Amino acid sequence: MRRSDTVARTGGDEFSVILEEPTSRDDAMRVGQSLVQLLDNPFELGGRTVRVGASVGIAVFPQDGSDAESLSIAADLRMYAGKQVSSCNGAGELPHPFLAGEAKTRLKLAE
């Protein structure tokens, strides 16, 4: 991650990372995989060894959404689907046609 990138807590145990351009889907995947690997390492906290993990969902503007809400929905769908697909290794990247239909449905339900 770079100084120009943003990390924000968006829920109880949920964070969003916004990578400033120029960023490709491959760059975002590399960052996501790096974060998963980094968080997988145990660390000391209050004299105890602690392990945490992460699941990552990636959405890229404008391919996956045209605004923050649609990008967030797309990333959430990829994250949850990635948890179900072992071949994703924690970094949710699914075929775009699956995501597009599901994201549009979720977006319509949210409206």
C-alpha atoms as a PDB file:
ATOM      1  CA  MET A   1       0.000   0.000   0.000  1.00  0.00           C
ATOM      2  CA  ARG A   2       1.058   3.564  -0.676  1.00  0.00           C
ATOM      3  CA  ARG A   3       0.576   6.811   1.223  1.00  0.00           C
ATOM      4  CA  SER A   4      -2.062   7.807  -1.338  1.00  0.00           C
ATOM      5  CA  ASP A   5      -4.191   4.717  -0.568  1.00  0.00           C
ATOM      6  CA  THR A   6      -6.949   4.759   2.062  1.00  0.00           C
ATOM      7  CA  VAL A   7      -7.919   2.234   4.747  1.00  0.00           C
ATOM      8  CA  ALA A   8     -11.243   2.741   6.521  1.00  0.00           C
ATOM      9  CA  ARG A   9     -13.203   0.733   9.046  1.00  0.00           C
ATOM     10  CA  THR A  10     -16.634   0.192   7.513  1.00  0.00           C
ATOM     11  CA  GLY A  11     -18.125  -2.223  10.047  1.00  0.00           C
ATOM     12  CA  GLY A  12     -17.392  -4.081  13.270  1.00  0.00           C
ATOM     13  CA  ASP A  13     -14.680  -6.278  11.789  1.00  0.00           C
ATOM     14  CA  GLU A  14     -14.803  -4.995   8.229  1.00  0.00           C
ATOM     15  CA  PHE A  15     -12.359  -2.653   6.545  1.00  0.00           C
ATOM     16  CA  SER A  16     -12.185  -1.159   3.072  1.00  0.00           C
ATOM     17  CA  VAL A  17      -8.992  -0.389   1.219  1.00  0.00           C
ATOM     18  CA  ILE A  18      -9.170   2.140  -1.593  1.00  0.00           C
ATOM     19  CA  LEU A  19      -6.222   2.034  -3.966  1.00  0.00           C
ATOM     20  CA  GLU A  20      -5.713   5.270  -5.860  1.00  0.00           C
ATOM     21  CA  GLU A  21      -5.097   5.049  -9.571  1.00  0.00           C
ATOM     22  CA  PRO A  22      -3.444   3.902 -11.634  1.00  0.00           C
ATOM     23  CA  THR A  23      -4.353   0.448 -10.365  1.00  0.00           C
ATOM     24  CA  SER A  24      -5.231  -2.650 -12.347  1.00  0.00           C
ATOM     25  CA  ARG A  25      -7.210  -5.655 -11.147  1.00  0.00           C
ATOM     26  CA  ASP A  26      -3.909  -7.583 -10.995  1.00  0.00           C
ATOM     27  CA  ASP A  27      -2.389  -4.873  -8.754  1.00  0.00           C
ATOM     28  CA  ALA A  28      -5.424  -5.011  -6.470  1.00  0.00           C
ATOM     29  CA  MET A  29      -5.187  -8.820  -6.315  1.00  0.00           C
ATOM     30  CA  ARG A  30      -1.517  -8.578  -5.317  1.00  0.00           C
ATOM     31  CA  VAL A  31      -2.359  -6.098  -2.538  1.00  0.00           C
ATOM     32  CA  GLY A  32      -5.231  -8.313  -1.344  1.00  0.00           C
ATOM     33  CA  GLN A  33      -3.045 -11.416  -1.283  1.00  0.00           C
ATOM     34  CA  SER A  34      -0.311  -9.502   0.565  1.00  0.00           C
ATOM     35  CA  LEU A  35      -2.802  -8.330   3.202  1.00  0.00           C
ATOM     36  CA  VAL A  36      -4.140 -11.876   3.669  1.00  0.00           C
ATOM     37  CA  GLN A  37      -0.600 -13.222   4.104  1.00  0.00           C
ATOM     38  CA  LEU A  38       0.394 -10.386   6.454  1.00  0.00           C
ATOM     39  CA  LEU A  39      -2.644 -10.863   8.686  1.00  0.00           C
ATOM     40  CA  ASP A  40      -2.126 -14.621   8.744  1.00  0.00           C
ATOM     41  CA  ASN A  41       1.156 -14.180  10.648  1.00  0.00           C
ATOM     42  CA  PRO A  42       0.822 -14.611  14.432  1.00  0.00           C
ATOM     43  CA  PHE A  43       1.766 -11.663  16.656  1.00  0.00           C
ATOM     44  CA  GLU A  44       2.173 -10.940  20.357  1.00  0.00           C
ATOM     45  CA  LEU A  45      -0.591  -9.103  22.213  1.00  0.00           C
ATOM     46  CA  GLY A  46      -0.599  -8.774  25.980  1.00  0.00           C
ATOM     47  CA  GLY A  47       1.893 -11.608  26.376  1.00  0.00           C
ATOM     48  CA  ARG A  48      -0.128 -13.977  24.209  1.00  0.00           C
ATOM     49  CA  THR A  49       0.301 -15.129  20.658  1.00  0.00           C
ATOM     50  CA  VAL A  50      -2.657 -14.044  18.559  1.00  0.00           C
ATOM     51  CA  ARG A  51      -3.694 -15.061  15.044  1.00  0.00           C
ATOM     52  CA  VAL A  52      -6.186 -13.255  12.873  1.00  0.00           C
ATOM     53  CA  GLY A  53      -7.212 -13.818   9.310  1.00  0.00           C
ATOM     54  CA  ALA A  54      -8.841 -11.965   6.484  1.00  0.00           C
ATOM     55  CA  SER A  55     -11.065 -12.531   3.509  1.00  0.00           C
ATOM     56  CA  VAL A  56     -10.758 -10.125   0.606  1.00  0.00           C
ATOM     57  CA  GLY A  57     -13.215  -9.067  -2.067  1.00  0.00           C
ATOM     58  CA  ILE A  58     -11.997  -6.902  -4.913  1.00  0.00           C
ATOM     59  CA  ALA A  59     -13.974  -4.499  -7.079  1.00  0.00           C
ATOM     60  CA  VAL A  60     -12.429  -2.224  -9.691  1.00  0.00           C
ATOM     61  CA  PHE A  61     -13.870   1.050 -11.005  1.00  0.00           C
ATOM     62  CA  PRO A  62     -15.499   1.314 -13.530  1.00  0.00           C
ATOM     63  CA  GLN A  63     -15.682  -2.368 -14.565  1.00  0.00           C
ATOM     64  CA  ASP A  64     -17.417  -3.532 -11.370  1.00  0.00           C
ATOM     65  CA  GLY A  65     -19.362  -0.418 -10.428  1.00  0.00           C
ATOM     66  CA  SER A  66     -19.775   3.268 -11.132  1.00  0.00           C
ATOM     67  CA  ASP A  67     -20.106   4.531  -7.546  1.00  0.00           C
ATOM     68  CA  ALA A  68     -18.983   3.702  -4.018  1.00  0.00           C
ATOM     69  CA  GLU A  69     -22.145   1.745  -3.167  1.00  0.00           C
ATOM     70  CA  SER A  70     -22.050  -0.525  -6.217  1.00  0.00           C
ATOM     71  CA  LEU A  71     -18.306  -1.109  -5.773  1.00  0.00           C
ATOM     72  CA  SER A  72     -18.857  -1.989  -2.111  1.00  0.00           C
ATOM     73  CA  ILE A  73     -21.618  -4.461  -3.021  1.00  0.00           C
ATOM     74  CA  ALA A  74     -19.435  -6.020  -5.716  1.00  0.00           C
ATOM     75  CA  ALA A  75     -16.508  -6.387  -3.306  1.00  0.00           C
ATOM     76  CA  ASP A  76     -18.780  -7.912  -0.630  1.00  0.00           C
ATOM     77  CA  LEU A  77     -20.173 -10.445  -3.094  1.00  0.00           C
ATOM     78  CA  ARG A  78     -16.683 -11.444  -4.155  1.00  0.00           C
ATOM     79  CA  MET A  79     -15.525 -11.719  -0.552  1.00  0.00           C
ATOM     80  CA  TYR A  80     -18.410 -13.962   0.513  1.00  0.00           C
ATOM     81  CA  ALA A  81     -18.217 -16.062  -2.633  1.00  0.00           C
ATOM     82  CA  GLY A  82     -14.445 -16.323  -2.205  1.00  0.00           C
ATOM     83  CA  LYS A  83     -14.981 -17.830   1.231  1.00  0.00           C
ATOM     84  CA  GLN A  84     -16.963 -20.616  -0.452  1.00  0.00           C
ATOM     85  CA  VAL A  85     -14.462 -21.252  -3.249  1.00  0.00           C
ATOM     86  CA  SER A  86     -11.285 -22.793  -1.883  1.00  0.00           C
ATOM     87  CA  SER A  87      -9.330 -22.072  -5.048  1.00  0.00           C
ATOM     88  CA  CYS A  88      -9.525 -18.339  -4.306  1.00  0.00           C
ATOM     89  CA  ASN A  89      -7.206 -18.736  -1.275  1.00  0.00           C
ATOM     90  CA  GLY A  90      -8.937 -15.902   0.588  1.00  0.00           C
ATOM     91  CA  ALA A  91      -8.681 -13.346  -2.224  1.00  0.00           C
ATOM     92  CA  GLY A  92     -12.132 -13.238  -3.771  1.00  0.00           C
ATOM     93  CA  GLU A  93     -11.900 -13.089  -7.518  1.00  0.00           C
ATOM     94  CA  LEU A  94     -14.738 -14.791  -9.353  1.00  0.00           C
ATOM     95  CA  PRO A  95     -15.750 -14.756 -12.993  1.00  0.00           C
ATOM     96  CA  HIS A  96     -17.256 -11.379 -13.814  1.00  0.00           C
ATOM     97  CA  PRO A  97     -20.600 -12.653 -15.272  1.00  0.00           C
ATOM     98  CA  PHE A  98     -21.510 -14.240 -11.910  1.00  0.00           C
ATOM     99  CA  LEU A  99     -20.723 -11.059 -10.083  1.00  0.00           C
ATOM    100  CA  ALA A 100     -22.495  -8.734 -12.489  1.00  0.00           C
ATOM    101  CA  GLY A 101     -25.872 -10.460 -12.169  1.00  0.00           C
ATOM    102  CA  GLU A 102     -25.662 -10.818  -8.401  1.00  0.00           C
ATOM    103  CA  ALA A 103     -24.490  -7.226  -7.874  1.00  0.00           C
ATOM    104  CA  LYS A 104     -27.318  -5.821  -9.983  1.00  0.00           C
ATOM    105  CA  THR A 105     -29.861  -7.885  -8.062  1.00  0.00           C
ATOM    106  CA  ARG A 106     -28.467  -6.785  -4.686  1.00  0.00           C
ATOM    107  CA  LEU A 107     -28.298  -3.170  -5.825  1.00  0.00           C
ATOM    108  CA  LYS A 108     -31.958  -3.225  -6.939  1.00  0.00           C
ATOM    109  CA  LEU A 109     -32.975  -4.767  -3.600  1.00  0.00           C
ATOM    110  CA  ALA A 110     -31.082  -2.036  -1.732  1.00  0.00           C
ATOM    111  CA  GLU A 111     -32.940   0.687  -3.627  1.00  0.00           C
END
